[in-house]
Protein backbone atom coordinates (compact mmCIF):
# COMPACT_ATOMS: atom_id res chain seq x y z
CA MET A 1 -5.49 19.43 22.38
CA ARG A 2 -9.08 17.97 22.23
CA GLN A 3 -9.70 14.42 20.98
CA GLU A 4 -12.73 12.78 19.52
CA ARG A 5 -13.41 9.16 20.17
CA TYR A 6 -14.25 6.74 17.32
CA ARG A 7 -15.73 3.39 18.23
CA ILE A 8 -16.13 0.77 15.43
CA GLU A 9 -17.46 -2.79 16.12
CA VAL A 10 -16.41 -5.23 13.50
CA GLU A 11 -17.95 -8.71 13.09
CA THR A 12 -15.35 -11.22 12.29
CA GLU A 13 -14.99 -14.95 11.77
CA SER A 14 -11.84 -15.63 13.69
CA PRO A 15 -10.37 -19.00 12.89
CA PRO A 16 -7.94 -20.80 15.13
CA ALA A 17 -4.53 -21.18 13.65
CA ALA A 18 -3.66 -24.75 12.70
CA ASN A 19 -0.11 -24.14 13.82
CA PRO A 20 -0.08 -22.10 17.03
CA GLY A 21 3.62 -21.42 16.73
CA HIS A 22 3.50 -19.74 13.26
CA GLY A 23 -0.20 -19.24 12.56
CA CYS A 24 -0.04 -21.26 9.34
CA GLY A 25 -2.48 -23.74 7.87
CA PRO A 26 -5.99 -23.48 6.37
CA PRO A 27 -8.39 -21.71 8.57
CA ALA A 28 -11.47 -23.51 10.12
CA LYS A 29 -14.91 -22.14 10.67
CA ALA A 30 -15.48 -20.48 13.96
CA SER A 31 -18.25 -18.69 15.71
CA LEU A 32 -19.01 -15.21 14.65
CA GLY A 33 -17.58 -12.69 17.12
CA VAL A 34 -17.57 -8.97 17.55
CA ARG A 35 -14.52 -6.96 18.15
CA SER A 36 -14.50 -3.25 19.07
CA LEU A 37 -11.76 -0.83 18.22
CA THR A 38 -11.58 2.71 19.77
CA TYR A 39 -9.65 5.47 18.13
CA LEU A 40 -8.62 8.61 19.83
CA LEU A 41 -7.74 11.25 17.39
CA PRO A 42 -6.59 14.92 17.91
CA ILE A 43 -8.93 17.51 16.52
CA GLY A 44 -7.31 19.56 13.78
CA LYS A 45 -5.19 16.86 12.32
CA THR A 46 -7.88 14.61 10.84
CA SER A 47 -8.06 13.82 7.26
CA GLN A 48 -10.58 15.58 5.02
CA SER A 49 -12.21 12.23 4.59
CA MET A 50 -12.40 11.53 8.32
CA PRO A 51 -16.12 11.09 9.22
CA PRO A 52 -17.40 13.01 12.39
CA ALA A 53 -17.52 10.73 15.51
CA ASN A 54 -21.34 10.91 15.47
CA ASP A 55 -21.81 10.19 11.70
CA GLN A 56 -23.20 6.66 12.19
CA SER A 57 -23.65 6.06 8.46
CA ALA A 58 -20.05 6.75 7.71
CA LEU A 59 -18.89 4.57 10.66
CA LEU A 60 -21.16 1.80 9.52
CA SER A 61 -19.62 2.09 5.96
CA LEU A 62 -16.16 1.72 7.53
CA ARG A 63 -17.32 -1.33 9.43
CA GLN A 64 -18.75 -2.82 6.31
CA LYS A 65 -15.54 -2.35 4.39
CA CYS A 66 -13.62 -3.92 7.14
CA GLN A 67 -15.76 -6.95 7.31
CA SER A 68 -15.60 -7.30 3.49
CA ILE A 69 -11.75 -7.06 3.71
CA GLN A 70 -11.65 -9.63 6.51
CA LEU A 71 -13.80 -12.06 4.65
CA ARG A 72 -11.75 -11.61 1.54
CA PHE A 73 -8.47 -12.49 3.19
CA LEU A 74 -9.96 -15.42 5.17
CA LYS A 75 -11.02 -16.83 1.78
CA MET A 76 -7.49 -16.30 0.48
CA TYR A 77 -5.93 -18.26 3.41
CA TYR A 78 -8.48 -21.06 3.09
CA GLN A 79 -7.84 -21.41 -0.67
CA ALA A 80 -4.07 -21.28 -0.27
CA GLY A 81 -4.04 -23.82 2.63
CA ALA A 82 -1.50 -21.60 4.53
CA GLY A 83 -0.63 -18.13 5.83
CA HIS A 84 -0.55 -16.04 8.94
CA VAL A 85 -4.15 -15.64 9.78
CA GLY A 86 -3.70 -13.98 13.08
CA ALA A 87 -1.34 -11.38 11.76
CA SER A 88 -3.95 -10.24 9.17
CA LEU A 89 -6.86 -10.18 11.68
CA SER A 90 -4.86 -8.12 14.16
CA CYS A 91 -4.31 -5.31 11.69
CA ALA A 92 -7.50 -5.33 9.56
CA GLU A 93 -9.28 -2.51 11.30
CA ILE A 94 -6.15 -0.40 11.28
CA LEU A 95 -5.53 -0.79 7.63
CA THR A 96 -9.15 -0.15 6.88
CA PHE A 97 -9.22 3.00 8.91
CA LEU A 98 -5.90 4.35 7.47
CA ARG A 99 -6.87 3.75 3.87
CA PHE A 100 -10.43 4.70 3.80
CA ALA A 101 -10.82 7.35 6.52
CA TRP A 102 -7.45 8.87 7.44
CA MET A 103 -4.80 8.94 4.69
CA LYS A 104 -4.54 11.61 2.17
CA PRO A 105 -3.53 11.13 -1.52
CA GLU A 106 0.11 12.35 -0.87
CA ASP A 107 0.51 9.95 2.09
CA GLU A 108 2.41 6.74 1.99
CA PHE A 109 1.89 3.37 3.78
CA LEU A 110 4.31 0.66 4.48
CA LEU A 111 3.33 -2.76 6.00
CA SER A 112 6.38 -3.80 8.07
CA LYS A 113 4.98 -7.02 9.11
CA GLY A 114 4.98 -8.51 5.62
CA HIS A 115 3.46 -11.80 6.91
CA ALA A 116 0.12 -9.93 6.95
CA ALA A 117 0.26 -9.38 3.13
CA ALA A 118 -3.12 -10.95 2.60
CA ALA A 119 -4.66 -8.13 4.69
CA LEU A 120 -2.86 -5.52 2.58
CA TYR A 121 -3.80 -7.30 -0.71
CA SER A 122 -7.47 -7.34 0.52
CA VAL A 123 -7.46 -3.69 1.25
CA LEU A 124 -5.98 -2.87 -2.24
CA ALA A 125 -8.67 -4.97 -3.78
CA GLU A 126 -11.33 -3.26 -1.80
CA ASN A 127 -9.86 0.08 -3.08
CA ASN A 128 -9.81 -1.27 -6.68
CA GLN A 129 -5.99 -0.96 -6.86
CA ILE A 130 -5.78 -4.60 -7.77
CA PRO A 131 -8.12 -6.75 -9.86
CA GLU A 132 -10.50 -8.89 -7.89
CA GLU A 133 -9.85 -11.85 -10.14
CA SER A 134 -6.20 -11.97 -8.91
CA VAL A 135 -7.36 -12.49 -5.32
CA PRO A 136 -7.78 -16.22 -5.53
CA THR A 137 -4.20 -16.63 -6.85
CA PHE A 138 -2.69 -15.64 -3.51
CA TYR A 139 0.22 -17.97 -2.53
CA GLN A 140 -0.03 -19.89 -5.74
CA ASP A 141 2.82 -20.55 -8.27
CA GLY A 142 3.29 -17.67 -10.58
CA THR A 143 1.09 -15.27 -8.70
CA LEU A 144 1.58 -11.60 -8.14
CA LEU A 145 0.25 -11.95 -4.73
CA ALA A 146 3.18 -13.61 -2.87
CA ALA A 147 3.21 -14.59 0.92
CA HIS A 148 5.08 -11.52 1.54
CA PRO A 149 4.63 -8.13 -0.40
CA SER A 150 6.82 -7.70 -3.47
CA PRO A 151 7.59 -4.12 -4.58
CA SER A 152 7.24 -5.02 -8.30
CA SER A 153 3.87 -6.81 -8.06
CA MET A 154 1.50 -3.79 -7.99
CA PRO A 155 1.16 -0.11 -7.14
CA GLY A 156 0.99 0.83 -3.55
CA ILE A 157 3.77 -1.55 -2.44
CA ARG A 158 7.23 0.07 -2.52
CA PHE A 159 9.39 -2.36 -0.45
CA ALA A 160 9.50 -6.17 0.06
CA THR A 161 8.90 -6.60 3.78
CA GLY A 162 8.57 -9.46 6.31
CA SER A 163 11.84 -9.18 8.25
CA LEU A 164 10.44 -7.63 11.44
CA GLY A 165 11.86 -4.39 12.47
CA HIS A 166 13.00 -3.00 9.24
CA GLY A 167 9.83 -1.09 8.24
CA LEU A 168 10.44 1.80 10.55
CA SER A 169 13.96 2.30 9.06
CA LEU A 170 12.52 2.39 5.59
CA CYS A 171 9.72 4.90 6.75
CA ALA A 172 12.38 7.04 8.37
CA GLY A 173 14.29 7.19 5.07
CA LEU A 174 11.15 7.94 3.16
CA ALA A 175 10.28 10.87 5.52
CA LEU A 176 13.70 12.22 5.38
CA ALA A 177 13.77 12.05 1.56
CA ASN A 178 10.43 13.87 1.42
CA GLN A 179 11.77 16.51 3.74
CA LEU A 180 14.82 17.10 1.67
CA ALA A 181 12.76 17.33 -1.43
CA GLY A 182 10.20 19.62 0.06
CA GLN A 183 7.35 17.18 -0.46
CA LYS A 184 4.30 17.06 1.68
CA GLY A 185 2.67 13.84 3.11
CA ASN A 186 2.87 11.63 6.05
CA ILE A 187 4.45 8.09 6.11
CA TYR A 188 2.47 5.37 8.12
CA CYS A 189 4.01 2.16 9.26
CA VAL A 190 2.25 -0.98 10.77
CA SER A 191 4.28 -3.52 12.36
CA SER A 192 4.41 -6.07 15.19
CA CYS A 193 6.78 -7.68 17.72
CA SER A 194 9.59 -5.47 16.57
CA TYR A 195 10.62 -3.44 19.70
CA ASN A 196 13.37 -5.85 20.54
CA PHE A 197 15.15 -5.08 17.38
CA TYR A 198 17.93 -2.50 17.76
CA CYS A 199 17.12 -0.83 14.47
CA VAL A 200 13.73 0.15 15.85
CA TRP A 201 15.24 1.70 18.90
CA GLU A 202 17.78 3.39 16.68
CA LYS A 203 15.15 5.00 14.58
CA ILE A 204 12.90 6.04 17.50
CA ASN A 205 15.88 7.70 19.33
């Protein structure tokens, strides 16, 4: 099957973590850098909203959305004075690409690494699924934007996540339920550092 290559360069402010072991603490200003992400996608399975590889205006729009998302959650971490900055930076491009270029309305998404919740909240805000005025309340008392996603807080979040390795099990259950119900749609899962967990190998095998 042929593949098309999509290359998106994203300008990011990449602050060093105050706590190298956990990636917590308020982010500090750092020099502006450029990261490149290349996607290889099979022709024939792309979403209807997927821009052609040579559509520079559409790719630029994705780049700008990703930058807006990154700046939003960096401000969230700074105002909260805590959070897993690296976890969100490492998946920002992936979440942007999935939400705004790949996923269809019937598809579902699950963020297994719940410690990157700020990135997910920022994507939902960019997509007008949560009010922008709630963004500064991240990690504050009484907020709906908790440090880890809560399924009761807003649409688009079905499970509380954060314990690494469990997201794939949840996605497998969703996929099986859809299959038994005859429903269409794909299930997408983003996780990290989970391959040593037995439940991951169990679901893969």
